[in-house]
Amino acid sequence: LVQTGDSLRLSCAASGRTDRISVIGWFRQAPGKER
């Protein structure tokens, strides 16, 4: 939870067969909306 104008840094940690990964994407979904 932050205020307007603030910053956050999200992390996505991968494990397992990470050598197979070609692309990592970020998506978001707000309540009542599509991803």
All heavy atoms as atom14 arrays in JSON, in Angstrom:
{
  "sequence": "LVQTGDSLRLSCAASGRTDRISVIGWFRQAPGKER",
  "atom14_mask": [
    [1, 1, 1, 1, 1, 1, 1, 1, 0, 0, 0, 0, 0, 0],
    [1, 1, 1, 1, 1, 1, 1, 0, 0, 0, 0, 0, 0, 0],
    [1, 1, 1, 1, 1, 1, 1, 1, 1, 0, 0, 0, 0, 0],
    [1, 1, 1, 1, 1, 1, 1, 0, 0, 0, 0, 0, 0, 0],
    [1, 1, 1, 1, 0, 0, 0, 0, 0, 0, 0, 0, 0, 0],
    [1, 1, 1, 1, 1, 1, 1, 1, 0, 0, 0, 0, 0, 0],
    [1, 1, 1, 1, 1, 1, 0, 0, 0, 0, 0, 0, 0, 0],
    [1, 1, 1, 1, 1, 1, 1, 1, 0, 0, 0, 0, 0, 0],
    [1, 1, 1, 1, 1, 1, 1, 1, 1, 1, 1, 0, 0, 0],
    [1, 1, 1, 1, 1, 1, 1, 1, 0, 0, 0, 0, 0, 0],
    [1, 1, 1, 1, 1, 1, 0, 0, 0, 0, 0, 0, 0, 0],
    [1, 1, 1, 1, 1, 1, 0, 0, 0, 0, 0, 0, 0, 0],
    [1, 1, 1, 1, 1, 0, 0, 0, 0, 0, 0, 0, 0, 0],
    [1, 1, 1, 1, 1, 0, 0, 0, 0, 0, 0, 0, 0, 0],
    [1, 1, 1, 1, 1, 1, 0, 0, 0, 0, 0, 0, 0, 0],
    [1, 1, 1, 1, 0, 0, 0, 0, 0, 0, 0, 0, 0, 0],
    [1, 1, 1, 1, 1, 1, 1, 1, 1, 1, 1, 0, 0, 0],
    [1, 1, 1, 1, 1, 1, 1, 0, 0, 0, 0, 0, 0, 0],
    [1, 1, 1, 1, 1, 1, 1, 1, 0, 0, 0, 0, 0, 0],
    [1, 1, 1, 1, 1, 1, 1, 1, 1, 1, 1, 0, 0, 0],
    [1, 1, 1, 1, 1, 1, 1, 1, 0, 0, 0, 0, 0, 0],
    [1, 1, 1, 1, 1, 1, 0, 0, 0, 0, 0, 0, 0, 0],
    [1, 1, 1, 1, 1, 1, 1, 0, 0, 0, 0, 0, 0, 0],
    [1, 1, 1, 1, 1, 1, 1, 1, 0, 0, 0, 0, 0, 0],
    [1, 1, 1, 1, 0, 0, 0, 0, 0, 0, 0, 0, 0, 0],
    [1, 1, 1, 1, 1, 1, 1, 1, 1, 1, 1, 1, 1, 1],
    [1, 1, 1, 1, 1, 1, 1, 1, 1, 1, 1, 0, 0, 0],
    [1, 1, 1, 1, 1, 1, 1, 1, 1, 1, 1, 0, 0, 0],
    [1, 1, 1, 1, 1, 1, 1, 1, 1, 0, 0, 0, 0, 0],
    [1, 1, 1, 1, 1, 0, 0, 0, 0, 0, 0, 0, 0, 0],
    [1, 1, 1, 1, 1, 1, 1, 0, 0, 0, 0, 0, 0, 0],
    [1, 1, 1, 1, 0, 0, 0, 0, 0, 0, 0, 0, 0, 0],
    [1, 1, 1, 1, 1, 1, 1, 1, 1, 0, 0, 0, 0, 0],
    [1, 1, 1, 1, 1, 1, 1, 1, 1, 0, 0, 0, 0, 0],
    [1, 1, 1, 1, 1, 1, 1, 1, 1, 1, 1, 0, 0, 0]
  ],
  "atom14_positions": [
    [[0.86, -1.19, 0.0], [0.0, 0.0, 0.0], [0.89, 1.24, 0.0], [1.72, 1.4, 0.91], [-0.9, -0.01, 1.23], [-1.73, 1.25, 1.48], [-2.7, 1.48, 0.33], [-2.47, 1.14, 2.8], [0.0, 0.0, 0.0], [0.0, 0.0, 0.0], [0.0, 0.0, 0.0], [0.0, 0.0, 0.0], [0.0, 0.0, 0.0], [0.0, 0.0, 0.0]],
    [[0.72, 2.08, -1.01], [1.51, 3.31, -1.11], [0.59, 4.47, -1.45], [-0.58, 4.27, -1.76], [2.62, 3.19, -2.18], [3.62, 2.1, -1.81], [2.02, 2.93, -3.56], [0.0, 0.0, 0.0], [0.0, 0.0, 0.0], [0.0, 0.0, 0.0], [0.0, 0.0, 0.0], [0.0, 0.0, 0.0], [0.0, 0.0, 0.0], [0.0, 0.0, 0.0]],
    [[1.15, 5.66, -1.43], [0.38, 6.85, -1.77], [0.7, 7.28, -3.21], [1.73, 6.9, -3.78], [0.71, 7.98, -0.81], [0.28, 7.7, 0.62], [0.53, 8.88, 1.54], [1.45, 9.67, 1.32], [-0.28, 9.0, 2.58], [0.0, 0.0, 0.0], [0.0, 0.0, 0.0], [0.0, 0.0, 0.0], [0.0, 0.0, 0.0], [0.0, 0.0, 0.0]],
    [[-0.19, 8.09, -3.75], [0.02, 8.63, -5.1], [1.38, 9.31, -5.19], [1.75, 10.1, -4.31], [-1.08, 9.63, -5.44], [-2.34, 8.94, -5.44], [-0.86, 10.24, -6.81], [0.0, 0.0, 0.0], [0.0, 0.0, 0.0], [0.0, 0.0, 0.0], [0.0, 0.0, 0.0], [0.0, 0.0, 0.0], [0.0, 0.0, 0.0], [0.0, 0.0, 0.0]],
    [[2.11, 9.0, -6.24], [3.43, 9.57, -6.46], [4.58, 8.75, -5.9], [5.75, 9.01, -6.24], [0.0, 0.0, 0.0], [0.0, 0.0, 0.0], [0.0, 0.0, 0.0], [0.0, 0.0, 0.0], [0.0, 0.0, 0.0], [0.0, 0.0, 0.0], [0.0, 0.0, 0.0], [0.0, 0.0, 0.0], [0.0, 0.0, 0.0], [0.0, 0.0, 0.0]],
    [[4.27, 7.77, -5.08], [5.31, 6.91, -4.5], [5.82, 5.9, -5.53], [5.31, 5.8, -6.65], [4.76, 6.16, -3.3], [4.63, 7.03, -2.06], [5.13, 8.18, -2.1], [4.02, 6.58, -1.08], [0.0, 0.0, 0.0], [0.0, 0.0, 0.0], [0.0, 0.0, 0.0], [0.0, 0.0, 0.0], [0.0, 0.0, 0.0], [0.0, 0.0, 0.0]],
    [[6.83, 5.14, -5.11], [7.43, 4.11, -5.95], [7.36, 2.76, -5.25], [7.32, 2.68, -4.02], [8.9, 4.44, -6.25], [9.02, 5.65, -6.97], [0.0, 0.0, 0.0], [0.0, 0.0, 0.0], [0.0, 0.0, 0.0], [0.0, 0.0, 0.0], [0.0, 0.0, 0.0], [0.0, 0.0, 0.0], [0.0, 0.0, 0.0], [0.0, 0.0, 0.0]],
    [[7.36, 1.72, -6.06], [7.46, 0.34, -5.57], [8.3, -0.43, -6.57], [8.32, -0.1, -7.77], [6.08, -0.33, -5.49], [5.23, -0.18, -4.24], [3.91, -0.9, -4.43], [5.94, -0.69, -3.01], [0.0, 0.0, 0.0], [0.0, 0.0, 0.0], [0.0, 0.0, 0.0], [0.0, 0.0, 0.0], [0.0, 0.0, 0.0], [0.0, 0.0, 0.0]],
    [[8.96, -1.47, -6.07], [9.68, -2.36, -6.96], [9.19, -3.78, -6.73], [9.34, -4.32, -5.64], [11.19, -2.27, -6.75], [11.97, -3.07, -7.79], [13.45, -2.8, -7.71], [14.04, -3.26, -6.47], [15.34, -3.18, -6.19], [16.16, -2.65, -7.08], [15.79, -3.62, -5.05], [0.0, 0.0, 0.0], [0.0, 0.0, 0.0], [0.0, 0.0, 0.0]],
    [[8.62, -4.35, -7.77], [8.16, -5.72, -7.72], [9.24, -6.66, -8.22], [10.04, -6.29, -9.1], [6.9, -5.9, -8.57], [5.73, -4.99, -8.29], [4.54, -5.37, -9.17], [5.35, -4.99, -6.82], [0.0, 0.0, 0.0], [0.0, 0.0, 0.0], [0.0, 0.0, 0.0], [0.0, 0.0, 0.0], [0.0, 0.0, 0.0], [0.0, 0.0, 0.0]],
    [[9.25, -7.87, -7.67], [10.2, -8.89, -8.12], [9.45, -10.12, -8.56], [8.43, -10.49, -7.96], [11.17, -9.25, -6.99], [12.03, -8.18, -6.71], [0.0, 0.0, 0.0], [0.0, 0.0, 0.0], [0.0, 0.0, 0.0], [0.0, 0.0, 0.0], [0.0, 0.0, 0.0], [0.0, 0.0, 0.0], [0.0, 0.0, 0.0], [0.0, 0.0, 0.0]],
    [[9.99, -10.79, -9.57], [9.47, -12.07, -10.04], [10.65, -13.04, -9.99], [11.58, -12.93, -10.8], [8.93, -11.95, -11.45], [8.42, -13.51, -12.2], [0.0, 0.0, 0.0], [0.0, 0.0, 0.0], [0.0, 0.0, 0.0], [0.0, 0.0, 0.0], [0.0, 0.0, 0.0], [0.0, 0.0, 0.0], [0.0, 0.0, 0.0], [0.0, 0.0, 0.0]],
    [[10.61, -13.96, -9.03], [11.69, -14.92, -8.86], [11.32, -16.22, -9.55], [10.27, -16.79, -9.26], [11.96, -15.15, -7.38], [0.0, 0.0, 0.0], [0.0, 0.0, 0.0], [0.0, 0.0, 0.0], [0.0, 0.0, 0.0], [0.0, 0.0, 0.0], [0.0, 0.0, 0.0], [0.0, 0.0, 0.0], [0.0, 0.0, 0.0], [0.0, 0.0, 0.0]],
    [[12.2, -16.67, -10.44], [11.97, -17.91, -11.18], [12.85, -19.02, -10.63], [14.01, -18.79, -10.3], [12.25, -17.69, -12.66], [0.0, 0.0, 0.0], [0.0, 0.0, 0.0], [0.0, 0.0, 0.0], [0.0, 0.0, 0.0], [0.0, 0.0, 0.0], [0.0, 0.0, 0.0], [0.0, 0.0, 0.0], [0.0, 0.0, 0.0], [0.0, 0.0, 0.0]],
    [[12.27, -20.22, -10.57], [13.04, -21.39, -10.14], [12.66, -22.58, -11.01], [11.65, -22.56, -11.71], [12.79, -21.7, -8.67], [11.43, -21.96, -8.44], [0.0, 0.0, 0.0], [0.0, 0.0, 0.0], [0.0, 0.0, 0.0], [0.0, 0.0, 0.0], [0.0, 0.0, 0.0], [0.0, 0.0, 0.0], [0.0, 0.0, 0.0], [0.0, 0.0, 0.0]],
    [[13.47, -23.62, -10.94], [13.23, -24.79, -11.79], [14.0, -24.67, -13.08], [15.14, -24.21, -13.1], [0.0, 0.0, 0.0], [0.0, 0.0, 0.0], [0.0, 0.0, 0.0], [0.0, 0.0, 0.0], [0.0, 0.0, 0.0], [0.0, 0.0, 0.0], [0.0, 0.0, 0.0], [0.0, 0.0, 0.0], [0.0, 0.0, 0.0], [0.0, 0.0, 0.0]],
    [[13.36, -25.01, -14.19], [14.01, -25.02, -15.5], [14.06, -23.61, -16.09], [13.5, -23.31, -17.15], [13.28, -25.95, -16.44], [13.48, -27.43, -16.13], [14.9, -27.87, -16.41], [15.38, -27.49, -17.71], [15.16, -28.18, -18.82], [14.46, -29.3, -18.78], [15.64, -27.76, -19.99], [0.0, 0.0, 0.0], [0.0, 0.0, 0.0], [0.0, 0.0, 0.0]],
    [[14.8, -22.75, -15.42], [14.87, -21.34, -15.86], [15.58, -21.19, -17.21], [15.41, -20.18, -17.88], [15.56, -20.48, -14.8], [16.86, -21.02, -14.55], [14.76, -20.47, -13.51], [0.0, 0.0, 0.0], [0.0, 0.0, 0.0], [0.0, 0.0, 0.0], [0.0, 0.0, 0.0], [0.0, 0.0, 0.0], [0.0, 0.0, 0.0], [0.0, 0.0, 0.0]],
    [[16.35, -22.2, -17.6], [17.03, -22.14, -18.89], [16.04, -22.17, -20.05], [16.38, -21.81, -21.18], [18.0, -23.31, -19.02], [17.31, -24.65, -18.86], [16.67, -24.89, -17.82], [17.39, -25.48, -19.8], [0.0, 0.0, 0.0], [0.0, 0.0, 0.0], [0.0, 0.0, 0.0], [0.0, 0.0, 0.0], [0.0, 0.0, 0.0], [0.0, 0.0, 0.0]],
    [[14.8, -22.57, -19.78], [13.79, -22.64, -20.84], [13.08, -21.31, -21.05], [12.36, -21.14, -22.03], [12.74, -23.69, -20.47], [13.25, -25.11, -20.4], [12.08, -26.06, -20.15], [11.11, -25.95, -21.24], [9.85, -26.38, -21.14], [9.41, -26.91, -20.01], [9.03, -26.27, -22.17], [0.0, 0.0, 0.0], [0.0, 0.0, 0.0], [0.0, 0.0, 0.0]],
    [[13.27, -20.36, -20.16], [12.52, -19.1, -20.24], [13.02, -18.25, -21.41], [14.21, -17.97, -21.53], [12.64, -18.31, -18.93], [12.01, -19.09, -17.78], [11.94, -16.95, -19.08], [12.18, -18.42, -16.43], [0.0, 0.0, 0.0], [0.0, 0.0, 0.0], [0.0, 0.0, 0.0], [0.0, 0.0, 0.0], [0.0, 0.0, 0.0], [0.0, 0.0, 0.0]],
    [[12.08, -17.81, -22.24], [12.38, -16.92, -23.36], [11.96, -15.48, -23.05], [12.64, -14.54, -23.47], [11.65, -17.38, -24.62], [12.01, -18.69, -24.96], [0.0, 0.0, 0.0], [0.0, 0.0, 0.0], [0.0, 0.0, 0.0], [0.0, 0.0, 0.0], [0.0, 0.0, 0.0], [0.0, 0.0, 0.0], [0.0, 0.0, 0.0], [0.0, 0.0, 0.0]],
    [[10.86, -15.33, -22.35], [10.31, -14.01, -22.06], [9.68, -14.06, -20.66], [9.07, -15.06, -20.28], [9.22, -13.6, -23.07], [8.59, -12.26, -22.7], [9.79, -13.55, -24.48], [0.0, 0.0, 0.0], [0.0, 0.0, 0.0], [0.0, 0.0, 0.0], [0.0, 0.0, 0.0], [0.0, 0.0, 0.0], [0.0, 0.0, 0.0], [0.0, 0.0, 0.0]],
    [[9.83, -12.99, -19.92], [9.05, -12.76, -18.7], [8.22, -11.5, -18.93], [8.76, -10.46, -19.36], [9.93, -12.57, -17.46], [10.63, -13.87, -17.08], [9.1, -12.04, -16.29], [9.76, -14.87, -16.35], [0.0, 0.0, 0.0], [0.0, 0.0, 0.0], [0.0, 0.0, 0.0], [0.0, 0.0, 0.0], [0.0, 0.0, 0.0], [0.0, 0.0, 0.0]],
    [[6.94, -11.62, -18.64], [6.04, -10.48, -18.76], [5.38, -10.15, -17.45], [5.23, -11.02, -16.58], [0.0, 0.0, 0.0], [0.0, 0.0, 0.0], [0.0, 0.0, 0.0], [0.0, 0.0, 0.0], [0.0, 0.0, 0.0], [0.0, 0.0, 0.0], [0.0, 0.0, 0.0], [0.0, 0.0, 0.0], [0.0, 0.0, 0.0], [0.0, 0.0, 0.0]],
    [[4.99, -8.9, -17.31], [4.19, -8.46, -16.16], [2.81, -8.05, -16.68], [2.7, -7.32, -17.68], [4.83, -7.27, -15.46], [5.98, -7.61, -14.56], [7.31, -7.53, -14.87], [5.9, -8.06, -13.21], [8.07, -7.92, -13.79], [7.23, -8.24, -12.74], [4.85, -8.32, -12.32], [7.53, -8.67, -11.45], [5.16, -8.75, -11.04], [6.47, -8.92, -10.62]],
    [[1.79, -8.5, -15.96], [0.42, -8.13, -16.23], [-0.22, -7.67, -14.93], [0.31, -7.92, -13.85], [-0.36, -9.33, -16.79], [0.08, -9.74, -18.17], [1.25, -10.46, -18.36], [-0.67, -9.39, -19.27], [1.67, -10.83, -19.63], [-0.28, -9.75, -20.55], [0.9, -10.48, -20.72], [0.0, 0.0, 0.0], [0.0, 0.0, 0.0], [0.0, 0.0, 0.0]],
    [[-1.36, -7.03, -15.03], [-2.08, -6.62, -13.83], [-3.57, -6.76, -14.06], [-4.05, -6.7, -15.19], [-1.73, -5.19, -13.43], [-2.17, -4.12, -14.43], [-1.63, -2.77, -14.0], [-2.1, -1.7, -14.89], [-1.69, -0.43, -14.8], [-0.82, -0.07, -13.86], [-2.16, 0.47, -15.63], [0.0, 0.0, 0.0], [0.0, 0.0, 0.0], [0.0, 0.0, 0.0]],
    [[-4.27, -6.95, -12.96], [-5.72, -7.08, -13.03], [-6.36, -6.33, -11.87], [-6.11, -6.68, -10.7], [-6.15, -8.54, -13.02], [-7.62, -8.74, -13.31], [-7.96, -10.17, -13.66], [-7.21, -11.1, -13.36], [-9.09, -10.37, -14.31], [0.0, 0.0, 0.0], [0.0, 0.0, 0.0], [0.0, 0.0, 0.0], [0.0, 0.0, 0.0], [0.0, 0.0, 0.0]],
    [[-7.15, -5.34, -12.21], [-7.9, -4.58, -11.21], [-9.25, -5.24, -11.01], [-9.75, -5.95, -11.89], [-8.06, -3.14, -11.67], [0.0, 0.0, 0.0], [0.0, 0.0, 0.0], [0.0, 0.0, 0.0], [0.0, 0.0, 0.0], [0.0, 0.0, 0.0], [0.0, 0.0, 0.0], [0.0, 0.0, 0.0], [0.0, 0.0, 0.0], [0.0, 0.0, 0.0]],
    [[-9.89, -5.0, -9.86], [-11.2, -5.62, -9.6], [-12.21, -5.26, -10.69], [-12.35, -4.1, -11.06], [-11.6, -5.0, -8.26], [-10.32, -4.66, -7.61], [-9.39, -4.25, -8.72], [0.0, 0.0, 0.0], [0.0, 0.0, 0.0], [0.0, 0.0, 0.0], [0.0, 0.0, 0.0], [0.0, 0.0, 0.0], [0.0, 0.0, 0.0], [0.0, 0.0, 0.0]],
    [[-12.86, -6.29, -11.21], [-13.89, -6.07, -12.21], [-13.38, -5.78, -13.6], [-14.17, -5.49, -14.51], [0.0, 0.0, 0.0], [0.0, 0.0, 0.0], [0.0, 0.0, 0.0], [0.0, 0.0, 0.0], [0.0, 0.0, 0.0], [0.0, 0.0, 0.0], [0.0, 0.0, 0.0], [0.0, 0.0, 0.0], [0.0, 0.0, 0.0], [0.0, 0.0, 0.0]],
    [[-12.07, -5.87, -13.79], [-11.48, -5.57, -15.1], [-10.71, -6.77, -15.63], [-10.35, -7.68, -14.88], [-10.56, -4.36, -15.02], [-11.28, -3.06, -14.68], [-10.34, -1.88, -14.8], [-11.07, -0.58, -14.54], [-10.17, 0.6, -14.7], [0.0, 0.0, 0.0], [0.0, 0.0, 0.0], [0.0, 0.0, 0.0], [0.0, 0.0, 0.0], [0.0, 0.0, 0.0]],
    [[-10.46, -6.76, -16.93], [-9.68, -7.82, -17.53], [-8.19, -7.65, -17.21], [-7.74, -6.55, -16.89], [-9.88, -7.81, -19.05], [-11.29, -8.18, -19.48], [-11.41, -8.31, -20.99], [-10.44, -8.0, -21.69], [-12.48, -8.73, -21.45], [0.0, 0.0, 0.0], [0.0, 0.0, 0.0], [0.0, 0.0, 0.0], [0.0, 0.0, 0.0], [0.0, 0.0, 0.0]],
    [[-7.48, -8.75, -17.33], [-6.04, -8.7, -17.13], [-5.41, -7.84, -18.22], [-5.73, -7.97, -19.4], [-5.45, -10.1, -17.15], [-4.02, -10.18, -16.67], [-3.63, -11.62, -16.38], [-4.37, -12.15, -15.25], [-4.11, -13.32, -14.68], [-3.12, -14.08, -15.16], [-4.82, -13.76, -13.67], [0.0, 0.0, 0.0], [0.0, 0.0, 0.0], [0.0, 0.0, 0.0]]
  ]
}
